[in-house]
Amino acid sequence: MARYDAFLLVSFGGPEGPADVMPFLQNVTGGRNIPLERLEQVAEHYYHFGGVSPINQQCRDLIVAVEKDFAAREVALPVYWGNRNWDPYLADTLTEMAAAGVRRALAFVTSAYSSFSSCRQYLNDITRAREQVGDRAPQVDKLRQYFNHPGFIASFAAAAADAARSLPGGGDFDLIFTAHSIPVSMADASGPAGGAYQAQLADAARLVAAEIGYQRPWHLAYSSRSGPPAQPWLEPDINDLLAQLAAAGSRAVVVVPIGFVSDHMEVKFDLDLEAAQTARQLGLNFARAATPGTDPRFVSMITDLVCERLDGTAPLALGALRAGPDACPAGCCGTAPPRSPAAQ
């Protein structure tokens, strides 16, 4: 069994002030010839919140929580943090780790599912960062997908139940799970056999619905589409689904952002702002469930994943799909599609 001497939190990164926004978006879309006008449109999402993405602070909070859980469970690994698109950049973090004598690290990625952008691209980023650091770069092994880990499901189930209780007057509601939309071609290539992104989202949604005792059919919708109109992306869009449900007589919805581990910009802008406004216009009561963030069940899940690799603890997984592989096979999740601006 491999020996590890560090833990690495790997995330997307985000701007932390108005001056960071355009350079950040240029990092995200580098080399893809995205029109300036499109970048400026996406930038407005950030400017609405003062030019600050919540994701970096959420990573800082998660690090504090993970360090406490590691200490409580006697996991003796120092914790590092590196981002794909903003400071602290992965290459800088790996340089710091190399200087500290780290030889092999376990990486936890803030995305639970299989697709190019949520899995394979992170592996590519780690490889690229190691190449930049050179021979002294530590080996980095990514932890498995965790969409069906009991801690992941339990944190969402508790949040969904809290959201349902917050609806005025209680009563019936439609349960909607949301995730980041991606191009259909990317979704079809996700996982070793294709289609894993949708299958994993559906399995996680089914598990959460079952845990809260929801007896009616639930819905899976998507947000944050950013590609050209001619390119098919996963549907339905959350706003379109809200309109359909209202037309069918729905009076209340609980929205569970099952595709996100914390309140990324897509959650704050696309759900809390746009989808909530759509619901108000349609006369729907709207409650959004919290993301796992630093929920103790989610934090404990991270330690569980680390212990699987440190001491061979059996992987914990619920539902119809098996626990994700320790190492993604070559070619898993396809190759890069044409990149469009993301707003994490």
Protein backbone atom coordinates (compact mmCIF):
# COMPACT_ATOMS: atom_id res chain seq x y z
CA MET A 1 0.00 0.00 0.00
CA ALA A 2 1.36 3.40 -0.99
CA ARG A 3 2.61 5.74 1.73
CA TYR A 4 1.38 9.34 1.68
CA ASP A 5 2.77 12.38 3.46
CA ALA A 6 0.30 15.17 2.55
CA PHE A 7 -3.29 15.97 1.66
CA LEU A 8 -4.04 18.37 -1.22
CA LEU A 9 -7.36 20.17 -1.65
CA VAL A 10 -7.79 20.89 -5.36
CA SER A 11 -10.46 23.36 -6.47
CA PHE A 12 -11.53 25.60 -9.32
CA GLY A 13 -10.51 28.96 -7.87
CA GLY A 14 -12.26 32.28 -8.20
CA PRO A 15 -11.73 36.04 -8.14
CA GLU A 16 -11.52 37.84 -4.82
CA GLY A 17 -12.11 41.37 -6.04
CA PRO A 18 -13.33 43.28 -9.13
CA ALA A 19 -9.83 43.60 -10.59
CA ASP A 20 -9.48 39.80 -10.56
CA VAL A 21 -12.62 39.03 -12.54
CA MET A 22 -11.51 39.42 -16.16
CA PRO A 23 -8.02 37.88 -15.62
CA PHE A 24 -9.70 34.95 -13.90
CA LEU A 25 -12.17 34.41 -16.76
CA GLN A 26 -9.29 34.64 -19.23
CA ASN A 27 -7.54 31.89 -17.28
CA VAL A 28 -10.68 29.74 -17.40
CA THR A 29 -11.12 30.18 -21.15
CA GLY A 30 -7.47 30.52 -22.17
CA GLY A 31 -6.74 29.61 -25.79
CA ARG A 32 -10.41 29.08 -26.74
CA ASN A 33 -11.03 32.41 -28.51
CA ILE A 34 -14.12 33.26 -26.46
CA PRO A 35 -15.45 36.66 -27.60
CA LEU A 36 -14.75 39.51 -25.20
CA GLU A 37 -18.46 40.35 -25.10
CA ARG A 38 -19.23 36.89 -23.72
CA LEU A 39 -16.58 37.22 -21.02
CA GLU A 40 -18.02 40.59 -20.06
CA GLN A 41 -21.48 39.04 -19.72
CA VAL A 42 -20.18 36.36 -17.37
CA ALA A 43 -18.15 38.97 -15.48
CA GLU A 44 -21.39 40.71 -14.55
CA HIS A 45 -22.32 37.67 -12.45
CA TYR A 46 -19.27 38.35 -10.29
CA TYR A 47 -19.66 42.13 -10.21
CA HIS A 48 -23.17 41.62 -8.84
CA PHE A 49 -21.45 40.10 -5.77
CA GLY A 50 -18.70 42.69 -5.53
CA GLY A 51 -16.34 40.83 -7.87
CA VAL A 52 -15.84 38.07 -5.33
CA SER A 53 -16.52 34.38 -5.90
CA PRO A 54 -17.42 32.55 -2.68
CA ILE A 55 -15.37 29.49 -3.59
CA ASN A 56 -11.96 30.51 -2.21
CA GLN A 57 -13.28 31.38 1.23
CA GLN A 58 -15.25 28.16 1.23
CA CYS A 59 -12.01 26.28 0.56
CA ARG A 60 -10.34 28.06 3.48
CA ASP A 61 -13.25 27.11 5.74
CA LEU A 62 -13.12 23.52 4.52
CA ILE A 63 -9.38 23.29 5.22
CA VAL A 64 -9.95 24.34 8.83
CA ALA A 65 -12.69 21.74 9.23
CA VAL A 66 -10.62 18.98 7.58
CA GLU A 67 -7.60 19.71 9.76
CA LYS A 68 -9.78 19.39 12.88
CA ASP A 69 -11.29 16.12 11.66
CA PHE A 70 -7.87 14.74 10.74
CA ALA A 71 -6.63 15.56 14.24
CA ALA A 72 -9.65 13.93 15.88
CA ARG A 73 -9.19 10.76 13.83
CA GLU A 74 -5.39 10.72 14.05
CA VAL A 75 -4.73 11.27 10.35
CA ALA A 76 -1.25 12.78 10.41
CA LEU A 77 -1.18 14.55 7.04
CA PRO A 78 -0.45 18.24 6.51
CA VAL A 79 -3.12 19.96 4.41
CA TYR A 80 -2.33 21.99 1.29
CA TRP A 81 -4.55 23.81 -1.21
CA GLY A 82 -4.12 24.50 -4.92
CA ASN A 83 -6.51 25.89 -7.55
CA ARG A 84 -6.98 25.33 -11.24
CA ASN A 85 -7.63 28.93 -12.28
CA TRP A 86 -6.62 31.34 -9.51
CA ASP A 87 -4.30 31.87 -6.59
CA PRO A 88 -3.15 29.66 -4.93
CA TYR A 89 -2.30 27.98 -8.22
CA LEU A 90 -1.57 24.27 -8.25
CA ALA A 91 2.00 24.67 -9.52
CA ASP A 92 2.81 27.15 -6.73
CA THR A 93 1.36 24.79 -4.13
CA LEU A 94 3.29 21.81 -5.49
CA THR A 95 6.46 23.92 -5.36
CA GLU A 96 5.74 24.67 -1.70
CA MET A 97 5.08 20.99 -1.02
CA ALA A 98 8.32 19.94 -2.71
CA ALA A 99 10.27 22.45 -0.62
CA ALA A 100 8.71 20.95 2.51
CA GLY A 101 9.85 17.47 1.47
CA VAL A 102 6.47 16.08 0.43
CA ARG A 103 6.92 13.09 -1.83
CA ARG A 104 3.40 11.73 -2.35
CA ALA A 105 0.03 13.37 -1.70
CA LEU A 106 -3.64 12.46 -1.83
CA ALA A 107 -5.79 14.98 -3.71
CA PHE A 108 -9.42 15.72 -2.94
CA VAL A 109 -11.20 17.54 -5.76
CA THR A 110 -14.23 19.74 -5.04
CA SER A 111 -16.34 17.92 -7.62
CA ALA A 112 -18.09 14.66 -6.86
CA TYR A 113 -18.89 13.42 -10.37
CA SER A 114 -17.37 12.01 -13.56
CA SER A 115 -16.99 14.22 -16.61
CA PHE A 116 -14.15 15.94 -18.42
CA SER A 117 -14.52 19.23 -16.55
CA SER A 118 -15.22 17.68 -13.14
CA CYS A 119 -12.63 14.88 -13.21
CA ARG A 120 -10.32 14.46 -16.19
CA GLN A 121 -9.45 18.15 -16.45
CA TYR A 122 -8.35 18.18 -12.82
CA LEU A 123 -6.08 15.22 -13.52
CA ASN A 124 -4.65 17.09 -16.50
CA ASP A 125 -4.13 20.19 -14.37
CA ILE A 126 -2.26 18.18 -11.75
CA THR A 127 -0.05 16.64 -14.42
CA ARG A 128 0.66 20.05 -15.94
CA ALA A 129 1.49 21.54 -12.55
CA ARG A 130 3.89 18.69 -11.77
CA GLU A 131 5.63 19.23 -15.08
CA GLN A 132 6.07 22.91 -14.26
CA VAL A 133 7.64 22.05 -10.91
CA GLY A 134 9.95 19.45 -12.43
CA ASP A 135 11.68 16.43 -10.94
CA ARG A 136 11.11 17.55 -7.34
CA ALA A 137 7.33 17.61 -7.77
CA PRO A 138 5.49 15.22 -5.46
CA GLN A 139 3.41 12.40 -6.87
CA VAL A 140 -0.29 13.30 -6.54
CA ASP A 141 -3.01 10.64 -6.49
CA LYS A 142 -6.60 11.81 -6.83
CA LEU A 143 -9.19 10.37 -4.45
CA ARG A 144 -12.21 8.65 -5.96
CA GLN A 145 -15.58 10.12 -6.91
CA TYR A 146 -17.82 10.36 -3.87
CA PHE A 147 -21.33 11.16 -5.18
CA ASN A 148 -22.79 8.11 -3.41
CA HIS A 149 -20.82 8.22 -0.16
CA PRO A 150 -23.17 8.15 2.85
CA GLY A 151 -21.72 11.41 4.22
CA PHE A 152 -22.36 13.22 0.94
CA ILE A 153 -25.94 11.94 0.72
CA ALA A 154 -26.71 12.59 4.40
CA SER A 155 -25.53 16.20 4.26
CA PHE A 156 -27.78 16.92 1.27
CA ALA A 157 -30.71 15.05 2.80
CA ALA A 158 -30.53 17.09 6.00
CA ALA A 159 -30.34 20.32 4.00
CA ALA A 160 -33.26 19.31 1.77
CA ALA A 161 -35.39 18.52 4.82
CA ASP A 162 -34.49 21.90 6.37
CA ALA A 163 -35.42 23.67 3.12
CA ALA A 164 -38.76 21.88 2.98
CA ARG A 165 -39.55 22.91 6.55
CA SER A 166 -38.81 26.54 5.64
CA LEU A 167 -41.61 26.70 3.07
CA PRO A 168 -44.53 28.82 4.27
CA GLY A 169 -47.39 26.67 5.45
CA GLY A 170 -45.64 23.40 4.69
CA GLY A 171 -47.61 21.09 2.42
CA ASP A 172 -46.73 19.53 -0.92
CA PHE A 173 -43.74 20.65 -2.94
CA ASP A 174 -41.92 19.58 -6.05
CA LEU A 175 -38.38 18.37 -5.40
CA ILE A 176 -35.80 19.57 -7.95
CA PHE A 177 -32.16 18.54 -8.05
CA THR A 178 -29.79 20.76 -10.03
CA ALA A 179 -26.29 20.45 -11.43
CA HIS A 180 -24.01 22.34 -13.78
CA SER A 181 -25.06 21.72 -17.37
CA ILE A 182 -22.35 20.47 -19.70
CA PRO A 183 -22.27 19.78 -23.45
CA VAL A 184 -24.10 16.60 -24.40
CA SER A 185 -20.93 15.36 -26.11
CA MET A 186 -19.01 15.75 -22.82
CA ALA A 187 -21.77 14.02 -20.87
CA ASP A 188 -21.86 11.13 -23.34
CA ALA A 189 -18.10 10.64 -22.88
CA SER A 190 -18.15 10.82 -19.07
CA GLY A 191 -16.86 7.78 -17.21
CA PRO A 192 -15.20 4.68 -18.69
CA ALA A 193 -18.37 3.62 -20.55
CA GLY A 194 -19.97 7.04 -21.13
CA GLY A 195 -23.01 8.66 -19.59
CA ALA A 196 -21.63 8.52 -16.06
CA TYR A 197 -22.33 12.17 -15.23
CA GLN A 198 -26.09 11.89 -15.66
CA ALA A 199 -26.23 8.41 -14.09
CA GLN A 200 -24.31 9.51 -10.99
CA LEU A 201 -26.41 12.65 -10.55
CA ALA A 202 -29.61 10.60 -10.85
CA ASP A 203 -28.37 8.03 -8.35
CA ALA A 204 -27.41 10.70 -5.82
CA ALA A 205 -30.77 12.43 -6.29
CA ARG A 206 -32.67 9.18 -5.81
CA LEU A 207 -30.74 8.46 -2.61
CA VAL A 208 -31.45 11.91 -1.15
CA ALA A 209 -35.14 11.74 -2.06
CA ALA A 210 -35.41 8.32 -0.42
CA GLU A 211 -33.64 9.49 2.74
CA ILE A 212 -36.09 12.35 3.29
CA GLY A 213 -39.05 10.10 2.50
CA TYR A 214 -40.13 11.98 -0.63
CA GLN A 215 -42.80 9.83 -2.26
CA ARG A 216 -43.55 11.74 -5.49
CA PRO A 217 -41.45 11.81 -8.67
CA TRP A 218 -38.51 14.18 -8.33
CA HIS A 219 -36.85 16.19 -11.10
CA LEU A 220 -33.27 16.71 -12.31
CA ALA A 221 -32.52 20.06 -13.97
CA TYR A 222 -29.42 21.97 -14.98
CA SER A 223 -28.05 25.49 -14.72
CA SER A 224 -25.12 27.57 -15.94
CA ARG A 225 -25.24 26.75 -19.63
CA SER A 226 -22.63 28.87 -21.40
CA GLY A 227 -22.01 27.34 -24.83
CA PRO A 228 -23.12 28.52 -28.26
CA PRO A 229 -26.83 28.03 -29.04
CA ALA A 230 -26.11 25.45 -31.74
CA GLN A 231 -24.25 23.18 -29.31
CA PRO A 232 -26.55 20.77 -27.41
CA TRP A 233 -26.20 20.94 -23.62
CA LEU A 234 -27.92 18.90 -20.93
CA GLU A 235 -31.50 19.98 -20.27
CA PRO A 236 -33.96 20.98 -18.88
CA ASP A 237 -32.78 24.34 -17.65
CA ILE A 238 -33.97 25.02 -14.11
CA ASN A 239 -35.97 28.08 -15.19
CA ASP A 240 -37.76 26.16 -17.94
CA LEU A 241 -38.62 23.38 -15.50
CA LEU A 242 -40.01 25.88 -12.99
CA ALA A 243 -42.32 27.23 -15.69
CA GLN A 244 -43.48 23.72 -16.59
CA LEU A 245 -44.19 22.84 -12.97
CA ALA A 246 -46.10 26.07 -12.36
CA ALA A 247 -48.20 25.44 -15.47
CA ALA A 248 -48.98 21.96 -14.13
CA GLY A 249 -50.27 23.39 -10.86
CA SER A 250 -47.24 23.30 -8.58
CA ARG A 251 -47.25 25.85 -5.77
CA ALA A 252 -43.88 25.23 -4.10
CA VAL A 253 -40.44 23.85 -4.95
CA VAL A 254 -37.40 22.72 -2.99
CA VAL A 255 -34.22 23.03 -5.07
CA VAL A 256 -31.27 20.85 -4.08
CA PRO A 257 -27.96 21.77 -5.83
CA ILE A 258 -26.80 18.16 -5.85
CA GLY A 259 -24.04 18.93 -8.37
CA PHE A 260 -22.13 21.29 -6.05
CA VAL A 261 -20.22 20.71 -2.83
CA SER A 262 -20.37 24.38 -1.76
CA ASP A 263 -22.09 27.61 -2.74
CA HIS A 264 -20.24 28.32 -5.98
CA MET A 265 -21.14 31.31 -8.14
CA GLU A 266 -23.56 29.08 -10.07
CA VAL A 267 -25.48 28.46 -6.87
CA LYS A 268 -25.47 32.09 -5.75
CA PHE A 269 -26.29 33.62 -9.15
CA ASP A 270 -28.12 30.96 -11.13
CA LEU A 271 -30.24 29.62 -8.27
CA ASP A 272 -30.46 32.19 -5.47
CA LEU A 273 -30.87 35.08 -7.90
CA GLU A 274 -32.20 33.96 -11.30
CA ALA A 275 -34.16 30.80 -10.41
CA ALA A 276 -35.60 32.41 -7.27
CA GLN A 277 -36.74 35.38 -9.34
CA THR A 278 -38.32 33.07 -11.92
CA ALA A 279 -40.17 31.26 -9.12
CA ARG A 280 -41.51 34.54 -7.71
CA GLN A 281 -42.76 35.60 -11.12
CA LEU A 282 -44.53 32.24 -11.48
CA GLY A 283 -46.09 32.42 -8.02
CA LEU A 284 -44.02 29.50 -6.70
CA ASN A 285 -42.75 29.31 -3.14
CA PHE A 286 -39.02 28.61 -3.49
CA ALA A 287 -36.59 27.09 -1.00
CA ARG A 288 -32.99 26.25 -1.83
CA ALA A 289 -31.21 23.54 0.15
CA ALA A 290 -27.74 24.27 1.47
CA THR A 291 -24.71 22.63 -0.11
CA PRO A 292 -22.47 20.42 2.07
CA GLY A 293 -19.83 23.11 2.66
CA THR A 294 -18.38 22.27 6.09
CA ASP A 295 -21.22 20.03 7.24
CA PRO A 296 -19.56 17.55 9.66
CA ARG A 297 -20.92 14.59 7.68
CA PHE A 298 -19.26 15.87 4.52
CA VAL A 299 -15.99 16.65 6.29
CA SER A 300 -15.96 13.20 7.86
CA MET A 301 -16.51 11.75 4.38
CA ILE A 302 -13.27 13.38 3.23
CA THR A 303 -11.41 11.71 6.08
CA ASP A 304 -13.09 8.41 5.16
CA LEU A 305 -11.78 8.71 1.60
CA VAL A 306 -8.29 9.38 2.89
CA CYS A 307 -8.46 6.40 5.26
CA GLU A 308 -9.47 4.15 2.38
CA ARG A 309 -6.10 4.90 0.82
CA LEU A 310 -4.01 5.04 4.00
CA ASP A 311 -5.09 1.81 5.66
CA GLY A 312 -7.33 -0.03 3.20
CA THR A 313 -10.64 0.82 4.88
CA ALA A 314 -13.51 -0.58 2.81
CA PRO A 315 -15.08 2.10 0.58
CA LEU A 316 -18.50 3.31 1.69
CA ALA A 317 -21.10 3.72 -1.06
CA LEU A 318 -24.88 3.70 -1.33
CA GLY A 319 -27.19 3.08 -4.26
CA ALA A 320 -27.02 1.20 -7.51
CA LEU A 321 -23.59 2.40 -8.65
CA ARG A 322 -20.32 1.16 -7.21
CA ALA A 323 -17.79 3.38 -5.48
CA GLY A 324 -15.62 5.22 -7.97
CA PRO A 325 -12.24 3.73 -8.89
CA ASP A 326 -9.15 4.77 -6.94
CA ALA A 327 -7.46 5.68 -10.20
CA CYS A 328 -9.31 6.77 -13.33
CA PRO A 329 -8.45 4.56 -16.30
CA ALA A 330 -6.61 6.03 -19.27
CA GLY A 331 -8.94 7.99 -21.52
CA CYS A 332 -11.68 8.15 -18.90
CA CYS A 333 -14.07 11.09 -19.43
CA GLY A 334 -12.81 11.85 -22.92
CA THR A 335 -10.87 14.86 -24.12
CA ALA A 336 -11.45 18.57 -23.89
CA PRO A 337 -14.49 19.96 -25.72
CA PRO A 338 -14.52 23.55 -26.92
CA ARG A 339 -14.26 25.53 -23.68
CA SER A 340 -16.81 28.13 -22.68
CA PRO A 341 -16.82 30.42 -19.66
CA ALA A 342 -17.68 28.80 -16.37
CA ALA A 343 -18.73 30.85 -13.39
CA GLN A 344 -17.51 28.84 -10.44
